[in-house]
N, C-alpha and C. Protein backbone atom coordinates (compact mmCIF):
# COMPACT_ATOMS: atom_id res chain seq x y z
N MET A 1 149.06 -62.81 -4.35
CA MET A 1 149.62 -61.51 -4.66
C MET A 1 148.48 -60.34 -4.63
N ARG A 2 147.13 -60.64 -4.89
CA ARG A 2 146.16 -59.91 -4.98
C ARG A 2 145.94 -59.14 -3.51
N ASN A 3 145.74 -60.48 -2.44
CA ASN A 3 145.67 -60.01 -1.16
C ASN A 3 147.01 -59.02 -0.36
N ALA A 4 147.88 -59.14 -1.01
CA ALA A 4 149.16 -58.04 -0.71
C ALA A 4 148.73 -56.89 -1.14
N ILE A 5 148.54 -56.71 -2.04
CA ILE A 5 148.29 -55.07 -2.58
C ILE A 5 147.01 -54.52 -1.94
N ALA A 6 146.04 -55.47 -1.72
CA ALA A 6 144.83 -54.83 -1.21
C ALA A 6 144.85 -54.48 0.29
N LEU A 7 145.87 -55.70 0.65
CA LEU A 7 146.81 -55.38 2.41
C LEU A 7 147.49 -54.08 2.58
N ALA A 8 148.48 -53.89 1.30
CA ALA A 8 149.40 -52.49 1.59
C ALA A 8 148.79 -51.45 0.95
N THR A 9 147.61 -51.39 -0.06
CA THR A 9 146.73 -50.19 -0.25
C THR A 9 145.58 -50.05 1.08
N GLY A 10 145.33 -50.67 1.84
CA GLY A 10 144.21 -50.44 3.12
C GLY A 10 145.50 -49.55 3.91
N LEU A 11 146.80 -50.60 4.04
CA LEU A 11 147.34 -49.70 5.27
C LEU A 11 147.65 -48.29 5.12
N MET A 12 148.06 -48.10 3.47
CA MET A 12 148.44 -47.07 3.11
C MET A 12 147.39 -45.98 3.38
N LEU A 13 145.76 -46.02 3.20
CA LEU A 13 144.80 -45.43 3.24
C LEU A 13 144.25 -45.16 4.48
N LEU A 14 144.81 -46.12 5.43
CA LEU A 14 144.63 -45.90 7.06
C LEU A 14 145.65 -44.77 7.50
N ALA A 15 146.55 -44.82 7.09
CA ALA A 15 147.71 -44.21 7.64
C ALA A 15 148.18 -42.52 7.14
N ALA A 16 147.39 -42.38 5.72
CA ALA A 16 147.14 -40.92 5.48
C ALA A 16 146.59 -40.07 6.38
N PRO A 17 145.41 -40.23 7.28
CA PRO A 17 144.68 -39.10 7.77
C PRO A 17 145.82 -39.13 9.21
N LEU A 18 146.41 -40.04 9.77
CA LEU A 18 146.99 -40.07 10.70
C LEU A 18 148.81 -38.94 10.38
N MET A 19 149.10 -39.21 8.94
CA MET A 19 150.10 -38.63 8.79
C MET A 19 149.98 -37.04 9.00
N ALA A 20 149.00 -36.90 8.29
CA ALA A 20 148.50 -35.42 7.87
C ALA A 20 148.37 -34.99 9.58
N ASP A 21 147.47 -35.48 10.45
CA ASP A 21 147.62 -34.68 11.82
C ASP A 21 148.97 -35.02 12.22
N ALA A 22 149.77 -35.72 12.25
CA ALA A 22 151.22 -35.17 12.77
C ALA A 22 151.92 -34.53 11.98
N LYS A 23 151.69 -34.39 11.00
CA LYS A 23 152.36 -33.47 9.99
C LYS A 23 151.58 -31.98 10.81
N ASP A 24 150.87 -31.82 10.97
CA ASP A 24 149.73 -30.72 11.22
C ASP A 24 150.03 -30.27 12.89
N ALA A 25 150.26 -31.36 13.84
CA ALA A 25 150.76 -31.20 15.00
C ALA A 25 152.29 -30.44 15.12
N VAL A 26 152.99 -31.16 14.27
CA VAL A 26 154.57 -30.62 14.55
C VAL A 26 154.92 -29.22 13.99
N LYS A 27 153.72 -28.78 12.50
CA LYS A 27 154.13 -27.66 12.57
C LYS A 27 152.93 -26.71 13.23
N ASP A 28 152.28 -27.20 13.53
CA ASP A 28 151.53 -26.04 14.68
C ASP A 28 152.59 -26.24 15.98
N GLY A 29 153.49 -26.39 16.29
CA GLY A 29 154.74 -26.62 17.49
C GLY A 29 154.05 -27.46 18.54
N VAL A 30 152.88 -28.19 18.70
CA VAL A 30 152.67 -28.91 19.23
C VAL A 30 153.78 -30.41 19.48
N ASP A 31 154.18 -30.45 21.06
CA ASP A 31 154.72 -31.28 21.48
C ASP A 31 154.13 -32.50 20.93
N VAL A 32 154.79 -33.72 20.40
CA VAL A 32 153.86 -35.02 20.12
C VAL A 32 154.61 -36.20 20.46
N SER A 33 155.47 -35.61 21.74
CA SER A 33 156.65 -36.62 22.49
C SER A 33 155.90 -37.56 23.49
N GLY A 34 154.41 -36.96 23.61
CA GLY A 34 154.02 -37.96 24.65
C GLY A 34 154.38 -37.45 26.35
N SER A 35 154.42 -36.36 26.31
CA SER A 35 154.62 -35.50 27.39
C SER A 35 154.04 -35.46 28.17
N GLU A 36 154.31 -34.37 29.64
CA GLU A 36 153.37 -34.09 30.85
C GLU A 36 151.96 -33.39 30.01
N SER A 37 152.48 -32.82 28.85
CA SER A 37 150.89 -31.58 28.16
C SER A 37 150.20 -32.91 27.65
N ASP A 38 150.67 -33.93 27.30
CA ASP A 38 149.35 -34.74 26.74
C ASP A 38 148.75 -35.07 28.12
N LEU A 39 149.09 -35.20 29.03
CA LEU A 39 148.54 -35.88 30.16
C LEU A 39 147.31 -34.92 30.83
N CYS A 40 147.92 -33.40 30.86
CA CYS A 40 146.98 -32.33 30.99
C CYS A 40 146.03 -31.98 30.29
N SER A 41 145.85 -32.50 29.33
CA SER A 41 144.77 -32.27 28.15
C SER A 41 143.24 -32.67 28.78
N VAL A 42 143.57 -33.37 29.48
CA VAL A 42 141.78 -33.63 30.06
C VAL A 42 141.89 -33.38 31.16
N CYS A 43 143.10 -32.35 32.16
CA CYS A 43 142.72 -31.96 32.82
C CYS A 43 141.73 -30.50 33.22
N TRP A 44 141.55 -30.42 34.61
CA TRP A 44 140.10 -28.83 34.40
C TRP A 44 140.97 -28.27 35.60
N GLU A 45 140.96 -27.17 35.88
CA GLU A 45 141.65 -26.17 37.40
C GLU A 45 140.80 -27.08 38.65
N LYS A 46 141.54 -27.36 39.62
CA LYS A 46 141.05 -28.18 40.36
C LYS A 46 140.26 -26.85 41.41
N GLY A 47 138.84 -27.23 42.02
CA GLY A 47 138.16 -26.71 42.77
C GLY A 47 138.46 -27.08 44.40
N SER A 48 138.03 -26.13 45.01
CA SER A 48 138.18 -25.64 46.11
C SER A 48 137.91 -27.14 47.26
N PHE A 49 136.86 -27.49 46.73
CA PHE A 49 136.19 -29.46 47.47
C PHE A 49 137.22 -30.19 47.03
N THR A 50 137.83 -30.33 45.82
CA THR A 50 138.96 -31.30 45.40
C THR A 50 140.20 -30.91 45.66
N GLU A 51 140.74 -29.57 45.90
CA GLU A 51 141.93 -29.46 46.42
C GLU A 51 142.18 -29.64 48.06
N SER A 52 140.94 -29.80 48.69
CA SER A 52 141.50 -29.91 50.02
C SER A 52 141.02 -31.32 50.46
N ASN A 53 140.24 -32.17 49.80
CA ASN A 53 140.13 -33.68 50.00
C ASN A 53 139.90 -34.18 48.79
N PRO A 54 140.84 -34.84 48.25
CA PRO A 54 140.99 -35.53 46.67
C PRO A 54 140.58 -36.72 46.95
N THR A 55 140.74 -37.45 47.88
CA THR A 55 139.75 -38.85 47.78
C THR A 55 138.46 -38.71 47.69
N GLY A 56 138.04 -37.82 48.81
CA GLY A 56 136.84 -38.02 49.23
C GLY A 56 135.99 -37.28 47.81
N ALA A 57 136.61 -36.41 47.62
CA ALA A 57 135.76 -35.83 45.95
C ALA A 57 136.13 -36.75 44.94
N ARG A 58 136.78 -37.65 45.01
CA ARG A 58 136.23 -38.62 43.89
C ARG A 58 135.69 -39.79 44.54
N ILE A 59 135.31 -39.94 45.60
CA ILE A 59 134.09 -41.02 45.65
C ILE A 59 132.40 -40.25 45.99
N ALA A 60 132.82 -38.97 45.93
CA ALA A 60 131.78 -38.37 46.62
C ALA A 60 130.98 -37.74 44.87
N THR A 61 132.01 -37.45 44.36
CA THR A 61 131.62 -37.06 42.34
C THR A 61 131.93 -38.52 41.70
N LEU A 62 131.41 -39.46 42.39
CA LEU A 62 132.01 -40.61 40.95
C LEU A 62 130.62 -40.99 40.30
N PRO A 63 129.32 -41.10 40.86
CA PRO A 63 128.07 -40.84 40.14
C PRO A 63 128.42 -39.68 39.21
N LEU A 64 128.55 -38.26 39.67
CA LEU A 64 128.97 -37.26 38.77
C LEU A 64 129.42 -37.76 37.72
N ARG A 65 130.67 -38.01 37.69
CA ARG A 65 131.52 -38.63 36.84
C ARG A 65 130.88 -39.24 35.79
N ALA A 66 130.47 -40.54 36.16
CA ALA A 66 129.89 -41.25 35.18
C ALA A 66 129.21 -40.81 34.21
N VAL A 67 128.39 -39.85 34.98
CA VAL A 67 127.26 -39.02 34.15
C VAL A 67 127.84 -38.10 33.11
N THR A 68 129.07 -37.40 33.82
CA THR A 68 129.72 -36.65 32.65
C THR A 68 130.52 -36.98 31.69
N GLY A 69 131.01 -38.51 31.98
CA GLY A 69 132.02 -39.36 31.14
C GLY A 69 131.20 -39.58 29.92
N ALA A 70 129.98 -40.25 30.37
CA ALA A 70 128.65 -40.97 29.23
C ALA A 70 128.53 -39.52 28.51
N VAL A 71 127.98 -38.08 28.99
CA VAL A 71 127.89 -37.26 28.07
C VAL A 71 129.10 -36.29 27.19
N GLY A 72 130.32 -36.74 27.93
CA GLY A 72 131.40 -36.41 26.69
C GLY A 72 131.57 -37.18 26.13
N MET A 73 131.36 -38.26 25.65
CA MET A 73 131.96 -39.55 24.64
C MET A 73 131.40 -39.16 23.56
N PRO A 74 129.75 -39.07 23.42
CA PRO A 74 129.20 -38.47 22.07
C PRO A 74 129.80 -36.97 21.73
N VAL A 75 130.04 -36.19 22.50
CA VAL A 75 130.53 -35.00 22.25
C VAL A 75 132.14 -35.27 21.31
N GLY A 76 132.72 -35.65 21.81
CA GLY A 76 133.84 -36.01 21.59
C GLY A 76 134.11 -37.15 20.40
N ALA A 77 133.40 -38.13 20.13
CA ALA A 77 133.43 -38.36 19.37
C ALA A 77 132.87 -37.70 18.16
N VAL A 78 131.78 -36.86 18.08
CA VAL A 78 131.47 -36.05 17.09
C VAL A 78 132.14 -34.78 16.83
N GLY A 79 133.30 -34.75 17.40
CA GLY A 79 134.22 -33.63 17.60
C GLY A 79 135.66 -33.90 16.92
N GLY A 80 135.78 -35.20 17.21
CA GLY A 80 137.02 -36.21 16.54
C GLY A 80 136.80 -37.00 15.14
N PHE A 81 135.03 -37.14 15.00
CA PHE A 81 135.09 -37.40 13.48
C PHE A 81 135.35 -35.84 12.93
N GLY A 82 134.63 -34.95 13.04
CA GLY A 82 134.48 -33.90 12.11
C GLY A 82 136.33 -33.28 11.84
N LYS A 83 136.99 -32.97 12.87
CA LYS A 83 138.74 -32.69 13.06
C LYS A 83 139.42 -33.72 12.07
N ARG A 84 139.43 -35.19 11.68
CA ARG A 84 139.84 -36.37 11.40
C ARG A 84 139.48 -35.96 10.01
N PHE A 85 137.92 -36.10 10.07
CA PHE A 85 137.69 -35.69 8.38
C PHE A 85 138.25 -34.66 7.41
N ALA A 86 137.99 -33.61 8.35
CA ALA A 86 138.17 -32.09 7.34
C ALA A 86 140.27 -32.33 7.43
N SER A 87 140.55 -32.90 8.01
CA SER A 87 142.00 -32.76 7.92
C SER A 87 142.41 -33.77 6.73
N GLY A 88 141.62 -35.28 6.65
CA GLY A 88 141.93 -36.14 5.63
C GLY A 88 141.49 -35.15 4.32
N ALA A 89 140.27 -34.77 3.86
CA ALA A 89 139.94 -34.37 3.02
C ALA A 89 141.19 -32.71 2.65
N GLU A 90 141.42 -32.10 3.57
CA GLU A 90 142.36 -30.98 3.50
C GLU A 90 143.82 -31.70 2.67
N TRP A 91 144.11 -32.74 3.40
CA TRP A 91 145.07 -33.93 2.55
C TRP A 91 144.97 -34.04 1.67
N VAL A 92 143.91 -34.88 1.11
CA VAL A 92 143.75 -35.45 -0.42
C VAL A 92 143.72 -33.93 -1.33
N SER A 93 143.34 -32.69 -0.74
CA SER A 93 143.44 -31.83 -1.63
C SER A 93 144.27 -31.33 -2.02
N ASP A 94 145.34 -31.16 -0.91
CA ASP A 94 146.81 -30.66 -1.00
C ASP A 94 147.38 -31.75 -1.74
N ASN A 95 147.47 -33.31 -1.86
CA ASN A 95 148.30 -33.68 -2.57
C ASN A 95 147.81 -34.19 -4.09
N THR A 96 146.37 -33.62 -4.33
CA THR A 96 146.07 -33.95 -5.48
C THR A 96 146.11 -32.24 -6.32
N PHE A 97 145.21 -32.10 -6.21
CA PHE A 97 144.72 -30.72 -6.97
C PHE A 97 145.94 -29.52 -6.22
N GLY A 98 146.62 -29.45 -5.22
CA GLY A 98 147.54 -28.62 -5.00
C GLY A 98 148.69 -29.13 -5.85
N ASN A 99 149.03 -30.26 -6.39
CA ASN A 99 149.75 -30.32 -7.17
C ASN A 99 150.21 -29.68 -8.72
N ILE A 100 148.59 -29.58 -8.95
CA ILE A 100 148.49 -28.53 -10.42
C ILE A 100 149.18 -27.36 -10.44
N VAL A 101 149.40 -26.32 -8.86
CA VAL A 101 149.87 -25.24 -9.47
C VAL A 101 151.31 -25.22 -8.99
N ASP A 102 152.12 -24.51 -10.03
CA ASP A 102 153.61 -24.56 -10.18
C ASP A 102 154.44 -24.02 -8.40
N GLU A 103 155.44 -23.55 -9.07
CA GLU A 103 156.47 -23.26 -7.36
C GLU A 103 155.96 -22.04 -7.22
N ASP A 104 155.50 -21.29 -8.19
CA ASP A 104 155.31 -19.91 -7.69
C ASP A 104 153.74 -19.69 -7.48
N GLY A 105 152.93 -20.66 -7.46
CA GLY A 105 151.53 -20.27 -6.96
C GLY A 105 150.49 -19.93 -7.88
N ASN A 106 151.04 -20.03 -9.34
CA ASN A 106 150.15 -19.89 -10.24
C ASN A 106 149.92 -20.93 -11.47
N ALA A 107 148.57 -21.49 -11.40
CA ALA A 107 148.73 -22.79 -12.49
C ALA A 107 148.41 -22.18 -13.78
N THR A 108 148.51 -21.05 -14.23
CA THR A 108 148.40 -20.77 -15.81
C THR A 108 149.40 -20.11 -16.56
N SER A 109 150.23 -20.25 -15.53
CA SER A 109 151.40 -19.83 -16.05
C SER A 109 152.35 -21.31 -16.95
N ASN A 110 151.70 -22.44 -16.47
CA ASN A 110 152.46 -23.98 -16.76
C ASN A 110 151.03 -24.85 -16.91
N THR A 111 150.43 -24.26 -17.90
CA THR A 111 149.23 -24.40 -18.77
C THR A 111 149.50 -25.85 -19.22
N ILE A 112 150.44 -26.40 -19.96
CA ILE A 112 150.90 -27.65 -20.42
C ILE A 112 151.68 -28.62 -19.36
N GLY A 113 151.86 -28.25 -18.35
CA GLY A 113 151.84 -29.19 -17.23
C GLY A 113 150.66 -29.55 -16.23
N ALA A 114 149.92 -28.64 -16.40
CA ALA A 114 148.76 -28.55 -15.60
C ALA A 114 147.73 -29.70 -16.21
N ALA A 115 147.82 -29.32 -17.65
CA ALA A 115 147.15 -30.52 -18.61
C ALA A 115 147.25 -32.01 -18.74
N LEU A 116 148.82 -31.82 -18.40
CA LEU A 116 149.18 -33.13 -18.39
C LEU A 116 148.85 -33.91 -17.45
N LYS A 117 148.59 -33.10 -16.09
CA LYS A 117 148.66 -33.74 -14.51
C LYS A 117 147.11 -34.05 -14.08
N THR A 118 146.15 -33.23 -14.84
CA THR A 118 144.87 -33.42 -14.33
C THR A 118 144.58 -34.55 -14.80
N PRO A 119 144.57 -35.23 -15.90
CA PRO A 119 143.63 -36.72 -16.20
C PRO A 119 144.29 -37.50 -14.95
N PHE A 120 145.58 -37.02 -14.58
CA PHE A 120 145.92 -38.27 -13.39
C PHE A 120 145.18 -38.33 -12.03
N LEU A 121 145.07 -37.03 -11.82
CA LEU A 121 144.82 -36.30 -10.31
C LEU A 121 143.62 -36.31 -10.13
N VAL A 122 142.51 -35.99 -11.12
CA VAL A 122 141.04 -36.08 -10.65
C VAL A 122 140.52 -37.29 -10.16
N PRO A 123 140.86 -38.96 -11.18
CA PRO A 123 140.53 -39.61 -10.46
C PRO A 123 141.06 -40.16 -9.41
N ALA A 124 142.39 -39.77 -9.15
CA ALA A 124 143.17 -39.75 -7.70
C ALA A 124 142.07 -39.23 -6.77
N ALA A 125 142.04 -37.96 -7.31
CA ALA A 125 141.27 -36.96 -5.83
C ALA A 125 139.46 -37.70 -5.81
N LEU A 126 139.19 -38.52 -6.92
CA LEU A 126 138.13 -38.85 -6.39
C LEU A 126 137.97 -40.04 -5.71
N VAL A 127 138.83 -40.71 -5.75
CA VAL A 127 138.97 -42.34 -5.07
C VAL A 127 139.44 -41.63 -3.53
N GLY A 128 140.49 -40.75 -3.39
CA GLY A 128 141.05 -40.17 -2.08
C GLY A 128 140.05 -39.26 -1.33
N TYR A 129 139.16 -38.76 -1.75
CA TYR A 129 138.18 -38.23 -1.35
C TYR A 129 136.83 -39.35 -0.88
N ALA A 130 136.88 -40.44 -1.69
CA ALA A 130 136.11 -41.51 -1.62
C ALA A 130 136.49 -42.01 0.32
N ILE A 131 137.81 -42.39 0.44
CA ILE A 131 138.26 -43.58 1.12
C ILE A 131 139.17 -42.49 2.49
N VAL A 132 139.69 -41.50 2.26
CA VAL A 132 140.90 -40.95 3.08
C VAL A 132 140.04 -40.41 4.08
N PRO A 133 139.20 -39.32 3.73
CA PRO A 133 138.23 -38.38 4.92
C PRO A 133 137.37 -39.53 5.60
N THR A 134 136.47 -40.51 4.92
CA THR A 134 135.90 -41.31 5.74
C THR A 134 136.46 -42.26 6.99
N VAL A 135 137.90 -42.77 6.32
CA VAL A 135 138.77 -43.65 7.04
C VAL A 135 139.40 -42.57 8.53
N GLY A 136 139.54 -41.45 7.91
CA GLY A 136 139.88 -40.24 9.01
C GLY A 136 138.92 -39.93 9.86
N GLY A 137 137.81 -39.76 9.65
CA GLY A 137 136.47 -39.81 10.15
C GLY A 137 136.41 -40.75 11.43
N VAL A 138 136.33 -42.37 10.89
CA VAL A 138 136.30 -43.55 11.84
C VAL A 138 137.11 -43.17 12.74
N VAL A 139 138.84 -43.42 11.96
CA VAL A 139 139.90 -42.95 13.32
C VAL A 139 139.55 -42.19 14.55
N GLY A 140 139.24 -40.78 13.76
CA GLY A 140 138.61 -39.79 14.51
C GLY A 140 137.46 -39.84 15.62
N LEU A 141 136.83 -40.69 15.60
CA LEU A 141 135.32 -40.99 15.99
C LEU A 141 135.82 -41.71 17.13
N ALA A 142 136.85 -42.66 17.05
CA ALA A 142 137.35 -43.81 18.45
C ALA A 142 138.11 -42.68 19.24
N GLU A 143 139.24 -41.91 18.51
CA GLU A 143 139.89 -41.27 19.86
C GLU A 143 139.10 -40.08 20.13
N GLY A 144 138.01 -39.68 19.55
CA GLY A 144 137.40 -38.41 20.11
C GLY A 144 136.51 -38.81 21.38
N ALA A 145 135.65 -40.45 21.70
CA ALA A 145 134.83 -40.77 22.07
C ALA A 145 136.08 -40.79 23.29
N VAL A 146 136.79 -41.90 23.21
CA VAL A 146 138.09 -41.99 24.27
C VAL A 146 138.60 -40.89 24.73
N HIS A 147 138.77 -39.49 24.32
CA HIS A 147 139.09 -38.30 24.79
C HIS A 147 138.03 -37.55 25.36
N GLY A 148 136.94 -37.53 24.65
CA GLY A 148 135.98 -36.85 25.16
C GLY A 148 135.03 -37.64 26.48
N THR A 149 135.18 -39.12 26.96
CA THR A 149 135.23 -39.65 28.22
C THR A 149 136.21 -39.30 28.93
N ALA A 150 137.55 -39.22 28.65
CA ALA A 150 138.39 -39.03 29.48
C ALA A 150 138.26 -37.14 30.34
N LYS A 151 137.83 -36.31 29.37
CA LYS A 151 137.39 -35.00 29.79
C LYS A 151 136.07 -34.86 30.21
N GLY A 152 135.19 -35.66 30.22
CA GLY A 152 134.17 -35.49 30.74
C GLY A 152 134.41 -36.07 31.94
N PHE A 153 134.74 -37.04 32.47
CA PHE A 153 135.06 -37.90 33.63
C PHE A 153 135.90 -37.00 34.53
N MET A 154 136.89 -36.14 33.93
CA MET A 154 137.43 -35.34 34.71
C MET A 154 136.52 -34.03 35.31
N TYR A 155 135.95 -33.83 34.69
CA TYR A 155 134.92 -32.29 34.73
C TYR A 155 134.59 -31.87 36.05
N PRO A 156 134.23 -32.94 36.85
CA PRO A 156 134.12 -32.72 38.43
C PRO A 156 134.79 -32.18 39.21
N ASP A 157 136.19 -32.08 38.70
CA ASP A 157 137.08 -31.74 39.67
C ASP A 157 137.32 -30.04 39.35
N LYS A 158 136.86 -29.87 38.67
CA LYS A 158 136.42 -27.99 39.54
C LYS A 158 135.22 -28.02 40.52
N LEU A 159 134.86 -28.95 40.92
CA LEU A 159 133.99 -28.43 42.28
C LEU A 159 134.85 -28.56 43.39
C-alpha cells in the first residue's frame, strides 16, 4: 500500500510541471496538436548555398553541424531548465498562495477564510517549492538539450 501511495504521489509531482506548461501553451494560443509548426521550430531561413544544393550542403556542412549541435545542447539545456523551473514555481504559487485571495482579488476582505486556509497552504507550498520546480527543471533540462541540439544541428542551413 505504501508503494502504491508513493508511486501515485511521484507521478502526480512529475505531471504537475507538464500540466502547467500545457495550460500556458493553450492559453497563449500555441498549437499543441503536433502540426507542422512544431517541426519548423528548429528550422532557419535557408541560405543560397543550401537552397541551390541541399544534398551537397548537408555533406559539406556535416562537421560544422556536429559542432553547432554540440554547442546547442548545453545552451538549450540551460534554457529548458530555467523555463520549466520557473513555470513549476509559478504553478505552486498559483495553487497554494493564490488560493488565499478571494474572488475579487482581495485577501483582506475575507480574513477568516484566509486565516483558515493559511495553516494548510504554507506547508503545501514549502513541499511544492522543494519538489515541483526541481522536477520541472529536470524535465526541461532534457527537453532543452534535445531541442538545442536539433536547433544547433539545423543552424548551418543559413549558409
